[in-house]
Amino acid sequence: MPRKPEYDRDELIDRARDLFWKQGWAGTSLKDLEHTLKMKPGSFYAAFGSKAKLFELALDRYAQGGVRRLKALADTHGALGALQRYPAMLVEGESAPAKACMLAKAVLETGGKEDALAARANAHLSEMEATFACLFRAAQAQGDVSKEADPDKLARRYQSDLLGLRVSAERSGVDAKAIAREIAEGLTA
């Protein structure tokens, strides 16, 4: 009978996500992962198979968290309220390992080198864009956004603004909170 693992897999994926988010795909070595997860190489491979497989799980966890937070905001504040509050939420969280988007970092870092990982990150970015489009459609139905506006175009622009915001938040001397407010205010213009 196989031994039951003595670790919490979800907690390990969360720790790996934070390490990858902070250091990136290439900047995170197997030794870094073993140290952060407190696992020996054999246990690591038995649990996750490879660094790439763990990175995929970490990307999934990161993306799922973003969608979940956005939907929770919509449940509490409505579609437009969620879209207005989300930018500030992205830059005000002090507990995040990095301000830049992990998915965008993965696309930039892995593009052409690790096609499967870049494709997975791109798929998550597309899912998030679709979530934004759904919220813009809901805001239109509630009369908060013009019926003439194209929700898909609004979602692409909004996502682009958020990605720029998150890069700005990484820079010293940039008031990312002010930019987040400008994005939110621009939604009602």
N, C-alpha and C. Protein backbone atom coordinates (compact mmCIF):
# COMPACT_ATOMS: atom_id res chain seq x y z
N MET A 1 0.85 -1.18 0.00
CA MET A 1 0.00 0.00 0.00
C MET A 1 0.90 1.25 0.00
N PRO A 2 0.66 2.19 -0.94
CA PRO A 2 1.50 3.38 -1.01
C PRO A 2 1.30 4.27 0.21
N ARG A 3 2.41 4.93 0.59
CA ARG A 3 2.35 5.86 1.72
C ARG A 3 1.59 7.12 1.32
N LYS A 4 0.83 7.65 2.26
CA LYS A 4 0.13 8.90 2.02
C LYS A 4 1.14 10.04 2.14
N PRO A 5 1.14 10.97 1.18
CA PRO A 5 2.07 12.09 1.25
C PRO A 5 1.88 12.89 2.54
N GLU A 6 2.98 13.42 3.05
CA GLU A 6 2.95 14.18 4.30
C GLU A 6 2.95 15.68 4.02
N TYR A 7 2.26 16.10 2.98
CA TYR A 7 2.22 17.52 2.64
C TYR A 7 0.84 17.86 2.10
N ASP A 8 0.54 19.14 2.12
CA ASP A 8 -0.71 19.67 1.57
C ASP A 8 -0.41 20.16 0.15
N ARG A 9 -0.86 19.43 -0.84
CA ARG A 9 -0.55 19.74 -2.24
C ARG A 9 -0.99 21.15 -2.61
N ASP A 10 -2.18 21.56 -2.20
CA ASP A 10 -2.65 22.91 -2.52
C ASP A 10 -1.74 23.99 -1.95
N GLU A 11 -1.30 23.77 -0.73
CA GLU A 11 -0.41 24.75 -0.10
C GLU A 11 0.93 24.81 -0.83
N LEU A 12 1.43 23.68 -1.29
CA LEU A 12 2.68 23.65 -2.05
C LEU A 12 2.52 24.38 -3.39
N ILE A 13 1.40 24.18 -4.05
CA ILE A 13 1.15 24.88 -5.31
C ILE A 13 1.08 26.38 -5.08
N ASP A 14 0.45 26.79 -3.98
CA ASP A 14 0.40 28.22 -3.64
C ASP A 14 1.80 28.79 -3.43
N ARG A 15 2.64 28.06 -2.71
CA ARG A 15 4.01 28.53 -2.48
C ARG A 15 4.80 28.58 -3.78
N ALA A 16 4.62 27.57 -4.63
CA ALA A 16 5.30 27.57 -5.93
C ALA A 16 4.79 28.73 -6.79
N ARG A 17 3.50 28.97 -6.78
CA ARG A 17 2.93 30.10 -7.54
C ARG A 17 3.60 31.41 -7.13
N ASP A 18 3.72 31.62 -5.82
CA ASP A 18 4.31 32.85 -5.33
C ASP A 18 5.78 32.97 -5.73
N LEU A 19 6.49 31.86 -5.71
CA LEU A 19 7.90 31.88 -6.10
C LEU A 19 8.03 32.16 -7.61
N PHE A 20 7.26 31.46 -8.43
CA PHE A 20 7.29 31.70 -9.87
C PHE A 20 6.85 33.13 -10.19
N TRP A 21 5.84 33.62 -9.50
CA TRP A 21 5.32 34.96 -9.72
C TRP A 21 6.41 36.00 -9.45
N LYS A 22 7.16 35.78 -8.40
CA LYS A 22 8.22 36.72 -8.00
C LYS A 22 9.45 36.60 -8.90
N GLN A 23 9.89 35.37 -9.17
CA GLN A 23 11.16 35.15 -9.84
C GLN A 23 11.05 34.80 -11.32
N GLY A 24 9.85 34.43 -11.77
CA GLY A 24 9.66 34.05 -13.15
C GLY A 24 10.01 32.59 -13.40
N TRP A 25 9.69 32.13 -14.61
CA TRP A 25 9.94 30.74 -15.00
C TRP A 25 11.44 30.44 -15.00
N ALA A 26 12.19 31.22 -15.76
CA ALA A 26 13.63 30.96 -15.89
C ALA A 26 14.39 31.30 -14.62
N GLY A 27 13.90 32.28 -13.88
CA GLY A 27 14.59 32.70 -12.66
C GLY A 27 14.39 31.77 -11.49
N THR A 28 13.52 30.79 -11.64
CA THR A 28 13.25 29.84 -10.56
C THR A 28 13.89 28.51 -10.92
N SER A 29 14.86 28.12 -10.13
CA SER A 29 15.54 26.84 -10.38
C SER A 29 14.83 25.71 -9.63
N LEU A 30 15.17 24.51 -10.01
CA LEU A 30 14.63 23.35 -9.29
C LEU A 30 15.06 23.39 -7.83
N LYS A 31 16.28 23.83 -7.59
CA LYS A 31 16.76 23.96 -6.20
C LYS A 31 15.93 24.98 -5.43
N ASP A 32 15.57 26.09 -6.09
CA ASP A 32 14.70 27.09 -5.45
C ASP A 32 13.37 26.46 -5.05
N LEU A 33 12.81 25.69 -5.95
CA LEU A 33 11.53 25.04 -5.67
C LEU A 33 11.66 24.03 -4.54
N GLU A 34 12.70 23.21 -4.59
CA GLU A 34 12.92 22.22 -3.52
C GLU A 34 13.06 22.90 -2.17
N HIS A 35 13.78 24.02 -2.15
CA HIS A 35 13.98 24.75 -0.89
C HIS A 35 12.66 25.37 -0.40
N THR A 36 11.95 26.05 -1.30
CA THR A 36 10.70 26.71 -0.94
C THR A 36 9.63 25.71 -0.51
N LEU A 37 9.58 24.57 -1.21
CA LEU A 37 8.57 23.57 -0.90
C LEU A 37 9.02 22.59 0.18
N LYS A 38 10.31 22.69 0.55
CA LYS A 38 10.89 21.79 1.55
C LYS A 38 10.73 20.33 1.13
N MET A 39 11.14 20.07 -0.12
CA MET A 39 11.02 18.73 -0.69
C MET A 39 12.36 18.31 -1.28
N LYS A 40 12.63 17.04 -1.20
CA LYS A 40 13.80 16.46 -1.85
C LYS A 40 13.44 16.20 -3.31
N PRO A 41 14.46 16.09 -4.20
CA PRO A 41 14.17 15.91 -5.63
C PRO A 41 13.22 14.75 -5.93
N GLY A 42 13.41 13.61 -5.30
CA GLY A 42 12.54 12.47 -5.56
C GLY A 42 11.09 12.74 -5.19
N SER A 43 10.89 13.39 -4.07
CA SER A 43 9.54 13.74 -3.63
C SER A 43 8.92 14.77 -4.56
N PHE A 44 9.75 15.72 -4.99
CA PHE A 44 9.26 16.75 -5.91
C PHE A 44 8.76 16.11 -7.20
N TYR A 45 9.58 15.25 -7.80
CA TYR A 45 9.19 14.61 -9.06
C TYR A 45 7.99 13.69 -8.88
N ALA A 46 7.92 13.01 -7.74
CA ALA A 46 6.76 12.14 -7.48
C ALA A 46 5.48 12.96 -7.35
N ALA A 47 5.60 14.14 -6.75
CA ALA A 47 4.42 14.98 -6.51
C ALA A 47 3.98 15.75 -7.75
N PHE A 48 4.95 16.25 -8.54
CA PHE A 48 4.59 17.17 -9.62
C PHE A 48 5.08 16.75 -11.01
N GLY A 49 5.98 15.81 -11.09
CA GLY A 49 6.45 15.34 -12.39
C GLY A 49 7.60 16.14 -12.96
N SER A 50 7.47 17.46 -12.96
CA SER A 50 8.52 18.32 -13.52
C SER A 50 8.28 19.76 -13.09
N LYS A 51 9.28 20.57 -13.32
CA LYS A 51 9.15 22.01 -13.06
C LYS A 51 8.06 22.60 -13.94
N ALA A 52 8.01 22.18 -15.21
CA ALA A 52 7.00 22.69 -16.13
C ALA A 52 5.58 22.34 -15.68
N LYS A 53 5.38 21.12 -15.21
CA LYS A 53 4.05 20.72 -14.74
C LYS A 53 3.63 21.55 -13.53
N LEU A 54 4.58 21.79 -12.63
CA LEU A 54 4.27 22.61 -11.45
C LEU A 54 3.99 24.05 -11.87
N PHE A 55 4.72 24.55 -12.86
CA PHE A 55 4.48 25.90 -13.35
C PHE A 55 3.07 26.00 -13.94
N GLU A 56 2.64 24.99 -14.67
CA GLU A 56 1.28 24.98 -15.21
C GLU A 56 0.25 25.04 -14.08
N LEU A 57 0.46 24.24 -13.04
CA LEU A 57 -0.45 24.26 -11.89
C LEU A 57 -0.44 25.63 -11.22
N ALA A 58 0.73 26.24 -11.12
CA ALA A 58 0.84 27.57 -10.51
C ALA A 58 0.13 28.62 -11.36
N LEU A 59 0.28 28.55 -12.69
CA LEU A 59 -0.44 29.47 -13.57
C LEU A 59 -1.95 29.30 -13.43
N ASP A 60 -2.39 28.04 -13.37
CA ASP A 60 -3.82 27.77 -13.20
C ASP A 60 -4.33 28.37 -11.89
N ARG A 61 -3.59 28.17 -10.84
CA ARG A 61 -4.00 28.68 -9.52
C ARG A 61 -4.07 30.20 -9.53
N TYR A 62 -3.07 30.83 -10.13
CA TYR A 62 -3.03 32.29 -10.23
C TYR A 62 -4.25 32.80 -11.00
N ALA A 63 -4.50 32.22 -12.16
CA ALA A 63 -5.61 32.66 -13.01
C ALA A 63 -6.96 32.44 -12.33
N GLN A 64 -7.14 31.30 -11.71
CA GLN A 64 -8.39 31.00 -11.02
C GLN A 64 -8.65 32.00 -9.90
N GLY A 65 -7.60 32.39 -9.21
CA GLY A 65 -7.74 33.36 -8.13
C GLY A 65 -8.21 34.72 -8.65
N GLY A 66 -7.67 35.14 -9.80
CA GLY A 66 -8.08 36.42 -10.37
C GLY A 66 -9.54 36.42 -10.78
N VAL A 67 -9.97 35.37 -11.44
CA VAL A 67 -11.37 35.27 -11.87
C VAL A 67 -12.28 35.21 -10.64
N ARG A 68 -11.89 34.43 -9.65
CA ARG A 68 -12.70 34.30 -8.43
C ARG A 68 -12.86 35.66 -7.72
N ARG A 69 -11.75 36.42 -7.61
CA ARG A 69 -11.84 37.73 -6.95
C ARG A 69 -12.73 38.69 -7.73
N LEU A 70 -12.62 38.66 -9.05
CA LEU A 70 -13.43 39.54 -9.88
C LEU A 70 -14.91 39.19 -9.76
N LYS A 71 -15.24 37.91 -9.78
CA LYS A 71 -16.64 37.49 -9.65
C LYS A 71 -17.19 37.83 -8.26
N ALA A 72 -16.37 37.74 -7.24
CA ALA A 72 -16.81 38.11 -5.89
C ALA A 72 -17.11 39.61 -5.83
N LEU A 73 -16.28 40.41 -6.48
CA LEU A 73 -16.54 41.84 -6.55
C LEU A 73 -17.86 42.11 -7.26
N ALA A 74 -18.12 41.39 -8.35
CA ALA A 74 -19.36 41.58 -9.10
C ALA A 74 -20.57 41.19 -8.27
N ASP A 75 -20.44 40.13 -7.48
CA ASP A 75 -21.55 39.71 -6.63
C ASP A 75 -21.88 40.79 -5.59
N THR A 76 -20.86 41.47 -5.13
CA THR A 76 -21.04 42.48 -4.08
C THR A 76 -21.37 43.86 -4.64
N HIS A 77 -20.74 44.24 -5.75
CA HIS A 77 -20.82 45.63 -6.23
C HIS A 77 -21.45 45.77 -7.61
N GLY A 78 -21.91 44.69 -8.20
CA GLY A 78 -22.45 44.76 -9.55
C GLY A 78 -21.34 44.75 -10.59
N ALA A 79 -21.73 44.64 -11.85
CA ALA A 79 -20.75 44.50 -12.93
C ALA A 79 -19.83 45.72 -13.05
N LEU A 80 -20.40 46.90 -13.17
CA LEU A 80 -19.58 48.09 -13.32
C LEU A 80 -18.77 48.35 -12.05
N GLY A 81 -19.38 48.15 -10.90
CA GLY A 81 -18.66 48.34 -9.64
C GLY A 81 -17.44 47.43 -9.54
N ALA A 82 -17.59 46.20 -10.00
CA ALA A 82 -16.46 45.26 -9.98
C ALA A 82 -15.35 45.76 -10.89
N LEU A 83 -15.72 46.17 -12.10
CA LEU A 83 -14.72 46.67 -13.04
C LEU A 83 -14.03 47.92 -12.52
N GLN A 84 -14.75 48.74 -11.78
CA GLN A 84 -14.16 49.95 -11.22
C GLN A 84 -13.25 49.66 -10.01
N ARG A 85 -13.59 48.67 -9.22
CA ARG A 85 -12.81 48.36 -8.02
C ARG A 85 -11.59 47.47 -8.30
N TYR A 86 -11.66 46.70 -9.35
CA TYR A 86 -10.60 45.73 -9.63
C TYR A 86 -9.21 46.35 -9.81
N PRO A 87 -9.06 47.46 -10.54
CA PRO A 87 -7.71 48.03 -10.69
C PRO A 87 -7.05 48.38 -9.36
N ALA A 88 -7.79 48.99 -8.46
CA ALA A 88 -7.22 49.34 -7.15
C ALA A 88 -6.84 48.08 -6.38
N MET A 89 -7.67 47.06 -6.49
CA MET A 89 -7.39 45.81 -5.79
C MET A 89 -6.06 45.20 -6.26
N LEU A 90 -5.76 45.36 -7.53
CA LEU A 90 -4.53 44.78 -8.08
C LEU A 90 -3.28 45.44 -7.53
N VAL A 91 -3.33 46.74 -7.26
CA VAL A 91 -2.12 47.44 -6.83
C VAL A 91 -2.04 47.69 -5.33
N GLU A 92 -3.15 47.51 -4.63
CA GLU A 92 -3.14 47.79 -3.20
C GLU A 92 -2.81 46.58 -2.35
N GLY A 93 -2.85 45.39 -2.92
CA GLY A 93 -2.55 44.19 -2.15
C GLY A 93 -1.07 44.11 -1.80
N GLU A 94 -0.73 44.35 -0.58
CA GLU A 94 0.67 44.34 -0.15
C GLU A 94 1.24 42.93 -0.04
N SER A 95 0.38 41.93 0.04
CA SER A 95 0.86 40.56 0.25
C SER A 95 1.27 39.85 -1.03
N ALA A 96 1.03 40.46 -2.19
CA ALA A 96 1.39 39.82 -3.46
C ALA A 96 2.91 39.75 -3.60
N PRO A 97 3.42 38.64 -4.12
CA PRO A 97 4.87 38.51 -4.31
C PRO A 97 5.43 39.49 -5.34
N ALA A 98 4.59 39.92 -6.28
CA ALA A 98 5.00 40.89 -7.31
C ALA A 98 3.75 41.64 -7.75
N LYS A 99 3.93 42.84 -8.25
CA LYS A 99 2.79 43.61 -8.74
C LYS A 99 2.44 43.24 -10.18
N ALA A 100 3.44 42.90 -10.98
CA ALA A 100 3.20 42.57 -12.38
C ALA A 100 2.38 41.29 -12.48
N CYS A 101 1.61 41.18 -13.54
CA CYS A 101 0.76 40.01 -13.78
C CYS A 101 1.62 38.78 -14.08
N MET A 102 1.40 37.72 -13.36
CA MET A 102 2.16 36.49 -13.57
C MET A 102 1.93 35.92 -14.96
N LEU A 103 0.71 36.03 -15.47
CA LEU A 103 0.40 35.51 -16.80
C LEU A 103 1.15 36.29 -17.88
N ALA A 104 1.13 37.61 -17.77
CA ALA A 104 1.84 38.43 -18.75
C ALA A 104 3.34 38.16 -18.68
N LYS A 105 3.86 38.04 -17.47
CA LYS A 105 5.29 37.73 -17.32
C LYS A 105 5.61 36.39 -17.98
N ALA A 106 4.72 35.42 -17.82
CA ALA A 106 4.95 34.10 -18.40
C ALA A 106 4.93 34.16 -19.93
N VAL A 107 4.00 34.92 -20.49
CA VAL A 107 3.93 35.04 -21.94
C VAL A 107 5.22 35.68 -22.46
N LEU A 108 5.64 36.75 -21.83
CA LEU A 108 6.84 37.44 -22.29
C LEU A 108 8.09 36.59 -22.13
N GLU A 109 8.16 35.90 -21.01
CA GLU A 109 9.37 35.13 -20.72
C GLU A 109 9.46 33.83 -21.51
N THR A 110 8.34 33.18 -21.76
CA THR A 110 8.38 31.86 -22.38
C THR A 110 8.10 31.88 -23.87
N GLY A 111 7.63 32.97 -24.39
CA GLY A 111 7.29 33.05 -25.81
C GLY A 111 8.42 32.56 -26.70
N GLY A 112 8.15 31.51 -27.47
CA GLY A 112 9.14 30.96 -28.38
C GLY A 112 10.06 29.93 -27.75
N LYS A 113 10.20 29.96 -26.43
CA LYS A 113 11.09 29.01 -25.76
C LYS A 113 10.30 27.83 -25.20
N GLU A 114 9.22 28.11 -24.53
CA GLU A 114 8.38 27.08 -23.90
C GLU A 114 6.96 27.28 -24.42
N ASP A 115 6.72 26.83 -25.62
CA ASP A 115 5.45 27.11 -26.28
C ASP A 115 4.23 26.65 -25.50
N ALA A 116 4.29 25.50 -24.87
CA ALA A 116 3.13 25.00 -24.13
C ALA A 116 2.81 25.90 -22.94
N LEU A 117 3.84 26.40 -22.28
CA LEU A 117 3.62 27.28 -21.14
C LEU A 117 3.08 28.63 -21.58
N ALA A 118 3.63 29.17 -22.67
CA ALA A 118 3.13 30.44 -23.20
C ALA A 118 1.68 30.28 -23.65
N ALA A 119 1.35 29.16 -24.27
CA ALA A 119 -0.02 28.92 -24.72
C ALA A 119 -0.98 28.85 -23.53
N ARG A 120 -0.54 28.23 -22.46
CA ARG A 120 -1.39 28.12 -21.27
C ARG A 120 -1.63 29.50 -20.67
N ALA A 121 -0.57 30.30 -20.56
CA ALA A 121 -0.71 31.66 -20.02
C ALA A 121 -1.62 32.48 -20.92
N ASN A 122 -1.45 32.37 -22.24
CA ASN A 122 -2.31 33.08 -23.19
C ASN A 122 -3.77 32.66 -23.05
N ALA A 123 -4.00 31.38 -22.86
CA ALA A 123 -5.38 30.89 -22.68
C ALA A 123 -6.01 31.51 -21.43
N HIS A 124 -5.23 31.61 -20.37
CA HIS A 124 -5.76 32.23 -19.14
C HIS A 124 -6.03 33.72 -19.35
N LEU A 125 -5.15 34.40 -20.08
CA LEU A 125 -5.40 35.82 -20.38
C LEU A 125 -6.67 35.98 -21.21
N SER A 126 -6.88 35.08 -22.16
CA SER A 126 -8.11 35.12 -22.97
C SER A 126 -9.35 34.87 -22.11
N GLU A 127 -9.23 33.95 -21.17
CA GLU A 127 -10.36 33.68 -20.26
C GLU A 127 -10.68 34.92 -19.42
N MET A 128 -9.65 35.59 -18.96
CA MET A 128 -9.88 36.79 -18.16
C MET A 128 -10.52 37.89 -19.01
N GLU A 129 -10.05 38.03 -20.24
CA GLU A 129 -10.65 39.01 -21.15
C GLU A 129 -12.12 38.70 -21.38
N ALA A 130 -12.45 37.43 -21.53
CA ALA A 130 -13.85 37.02 -21.72
C ALA A 130 -14.68 37.34 -20.47
N THR A 131 -14.08 37.18 -19.30
CA THR A 131 -14.77 37.53 -18.05
C THR A 131 -15.05 39.02 -18.01
N PHE A 132 -14.05 39.83 -18.42
CA PHE A 132 -14.28 41.28 -18.48
C PHE A 132 -15.41 41.61 -19.46
N ALA A 133 -15.41 40.95 -20.62
CA ALA A 133 -16.45 41.21 -21.63
C ALA A 133 -17.84 40.88 -21.07
N CYS A 134 -17.94 39.78 -20.33
CA CYS A 134 -19.22 39.42 -19.71
C CYS A 134 -19.68 40.50 -18.74
N LEU A 135 -18.73 41.04 -17.98
CA LEU A 135 -19.09 42.10 -17.04
C LEU A 135 -19.51 43.37 -17.78
N PHE A 136 -18.84 43.70 -18.88
CA PHE A 136 -19.27 44.86 -19.66
C PHE A 136 -20.66 44.64 -20.24
N ARG A 137 -20.95 43.41 -20.69
CA ARG A 137 -22.30 43.11 -21.19
C ARG A 137 -23.34 43.28 -20.08
N ALA A 138 -23.01 42.79 -18.90
CA ALA A 138 -23.93 42.93 -17.76
C ALA A 138 -24.12 44.40 -17.40
N ALA A 139 -23.05 45.17 -17.45
CA ALA A 139 -23.16 46.61 -17.17
C ALA A 139 -24.01 47.30 -18.22
N GLN A 140 -23.92 46.84 -19.48
CA GLN A 140 -24.79 47.39 -20.52
C GLN A 140 -26.26 47.07 -20.22
N ALA A 141 -26.51 45.83 -19.83
CA ALA A 141 -27.88 45.41 -19.53
C ALA A 141 -28.46 46.20 -18.35
N GLN A 142 -27.59 46.60 -17.44
CA GLN A 142 -28.02 47.38 -16.27
C GLN A 142 -28.10 48.88 -16.58
N GLY A 143 -27.73 49.25 -17.81
CA GLY A 143 -27.78 50.66 -18.20
C GLY A 143 -26.58 51.48 -17.76
N ASP A 144 -25.53 50.82 -17.29
CA ASP A 144 -24.34 51.53 -16.79
C ASP A 144 -23.29 51.78 -17.87
N VAL A 145 -23.42 51.10 -19.00
CA VAL A 145 -22.50 51.26 -20.12
C VAL A 145 -23.34 51.41 -21.38
N SER A 146 -22.93 52.28 -22.27
CA SER A 146 -23.67 52.55 -23.50
C SER A 146 -23.93 51.28 -24.30
N LYS A 147 -25.13 51.18 -24.85
CA LYS A 147 -25.50 50.03 -25.68
C LYS A 147 -24.69 50.01 -26.99
N GLU A 148 -24.19 51.17 -27.41
CA GLU A 148 -23.42 51.24 -28.65
C GLU A 148 -22.00 50.70 -28.48
N ALA A 149 -21.53 50.63 -27.27
CA ALA A 149 -20.15 50.16 -27.03
C ALA A 149 -20.05 48.66 -27.30
N ASP A 150 -18.90 48.24 -27.81
CA ASP A 150 -18.63 46.84 -28.07
C ASP A 150 -17.95 46.24 -26.83
N PRO A 151 -18.63 45.34 -26.11
CA PRO A 151 -18.07 44.78 -24.88
C PRO A 151 -16.73 44.08 -25.08
N ASP A 152 -16.55 43.45 -26.24
CA ASP A 152 -15.28 42.76 -26.50
C ASP A 152 -14.13 43.76 -26.65
N LYS A 153 -14.39 44.87 -27.34
CA LYS A 153 -13.37 45.92 -27.47
C LYS A 153 -13.09 46.57 -26.13
N LEU A 154 -14.14 46.81 -25.36
CA LEU A 154 -13.96 47.39 -24.02
C LEU A 154 -13.11 46.46 -23.15
N ALA A 155 -13.37 45.17 -23.25
CA ALA A 155 -12.62 44.19 -22.45
C ALA A 155 -11.16 44.15 -22.84
N ARG A 156 -10.87 44.19 -24.15
CA ARG A 156 -9.46 44.19 -24.61
C ARG A 156 -8.74 45.43 -24.10
N ARG A 157 -9.39 46.57 -24.22
CA ARG A 157 -8.77 47.83 -23.77
C ARG A 157 -8.57 47.82 -22.25
N TYR A 158 -9.57 47.33 -21.54
CA TYR A 158 -9.49 47.27 -20.08
C TYR A 158 -8.35 46.36 -19.65
N GLN A 159 -8.24 45.19 -20.27
CA GLN A 159 -7.16 44.28 -19.92
C GLN A 159 -5.81 44.90 -20.22
N SER A 160 -5.71 45.57 -21.34
CA SER A 160 -4.46 46.24 -21.69
C SER A 160 -4.11 47.32 -20.66
N ASP A 161 -5.11 48.08 -20.25
CA ASP A 161 -4.90 49.09 -19.21
C ASP A 161 -4.41 48.45 -17.91
N LEU A 162 -5.03 47.33 -17.54
CA LEU A 162 -4.63 46.65 -16.30
C LEU A 162 -3.20 46.12 -16.38
N LEU A 163 -2.83 45.57 -17.53
CA LEU A 163 -1.46 45.06 -17.69
C LEU A 163 -0.46 46.20 -17.58
N GLY A 164 -0.78 47.33 -18.19
CA GLY A 164 0.09 48.51 -18.07
C GLY A 164 0.14 49.01 -16.64
N LEU A 165 -0.99 49.01 -15.97
CA LEU A 165 -1.04 49.41 -14.56
C LEU A 165 -0.12 48.55 -13.72
N ARG A 166 -0.15 47.25 -13.97
CA ARG A 166 0.64 46.34 -13.15
C ARG A 166 2.14 46.49 -13.41
N VAL A 167 2.50 46.83 -14.63
CA VAL A 167 3.91 47.13 -14.91
C VAL A 167 4.29 48.43 -14.21
N SER A 168 3.42 49.43 -14.29
CA SER A 168 3.68 50.71 -13.63
C SER A 168 3.85 50.53 -12.13
N ALA A 169 3.07 49.62 -11.55
CA ALA A 169 3.14 49.38 -10.11
C ALA A 169 4.50 48.82 -9.69
N GLU A 170 5.21 48.17 -10.62
CA GLU A 170 6.54 47.64 -10.34
C GLU A 170 7.61 48.73 -10.36
N ARG A 171 7.32 49.84 -11.00
CA ARG A 171 8.31 50.91 -11.14
C ARG A 171 8.31 51.80 -9.92
N SER A 172 9.49 52.24 -9.52
CA SER A 172 9.58 53.16 -8.39
C SER A 172 9.21 54.57 -8.88
N GLY A 173 8.61 55.30 -8.00
CA GLY A 173 8.24 56.68 -8.31
C GLY A 173 6.97 56.83 -9.12
N VAL A 174 6.27 55.76 -9.39
CA VAL A 174 5.02 55.83 -10.14
C VAL A 174 3.87 55.62 -9.16
N ASP A 175 2.89 56.50 -9.22
CA ASP A 175 1.73 56.40 -8.35
C ASP A 175 0.69 55.48 -9.00
N ALA A 176 0.85 54.19 -8.78
CA ALA A 176 -0.04 53.20 -9.40
C ALA A 176 -1.47 53.33 -8.88
N LYS A 177 -1.62 53.76 -7.64
CA LYS A 177 -2.98 53.93 -7.11
C LYS A 177 -3.72 55.03 -7.86
N ALA A 178 -3.02 56.09 -8.23
CA ALA A 178 -3.64 57.16 -9.01
C ALA A 178 -4.03 56.65 -10.39
N ILE A 179 -3.17 55.83 -11.00
CA ILE A 179 -3.49 55.26 -12.32
C ILE A 179 -4.70 54.34 -12.20
N ALA A 180 -4.77 53.56 -11.13
CA ALA A 180 -5.93 52.67 -10.91
C ALA A 180 -7.22 53.49 -10.81
N ARG A 181 -7.15 54.63 -10.11
CA ARG A 181 -8.33 55.50 -10.01
C ARG A 181 -8.72 56.05 -11.39
N GLU A 182 -7.72 56.41 -12.19
CA GLU A 182 -7.99 56.93 -13.53
C GLU A 182 -8.65 55.88 -14.41
N ILE A 183 -8.21 54.66 -14.30
CA ILE A 183 -8.84 53.57 -15.07
C ILE A 183 -10.30 53.42 -14.65
N ALA A 184 -10.53 53.41 -13.34
CA ALA A 184 -11.89 53.25 -12.82
C ALA A 184 -12.78 54.41 -13.26
N GLU A 185 -12.27 55.63 -13.16
CA GLU A 185 -13.06 56.80 -13.55
C GLU A 185 -13.34 56.80 -15.05
N GLY A 186 -12.40 56.29 -15.84
CA GLY A 186 -12.58 56.24 -17.28
C GLY A 186 -13.71 55.33 -17.73
N LEU A 187 -14.10 54.41 -16.87
CA LEU A 187 -15.17 53.48 -17.23
C LEU A 187 -16.54 54.15 -17.29
N THR A 188 -16.68 55.27 -16.60
CA THR A 188 -17.97 55.97 -16.61
C THR A 188 -17.96 57.16 -17.56
N ALA A 189 -16.84 57.40 -18.21
CA ALA A 189 -16.75 58.53 -19.14
C ALA A 189 -17.47 58.21 -20.44
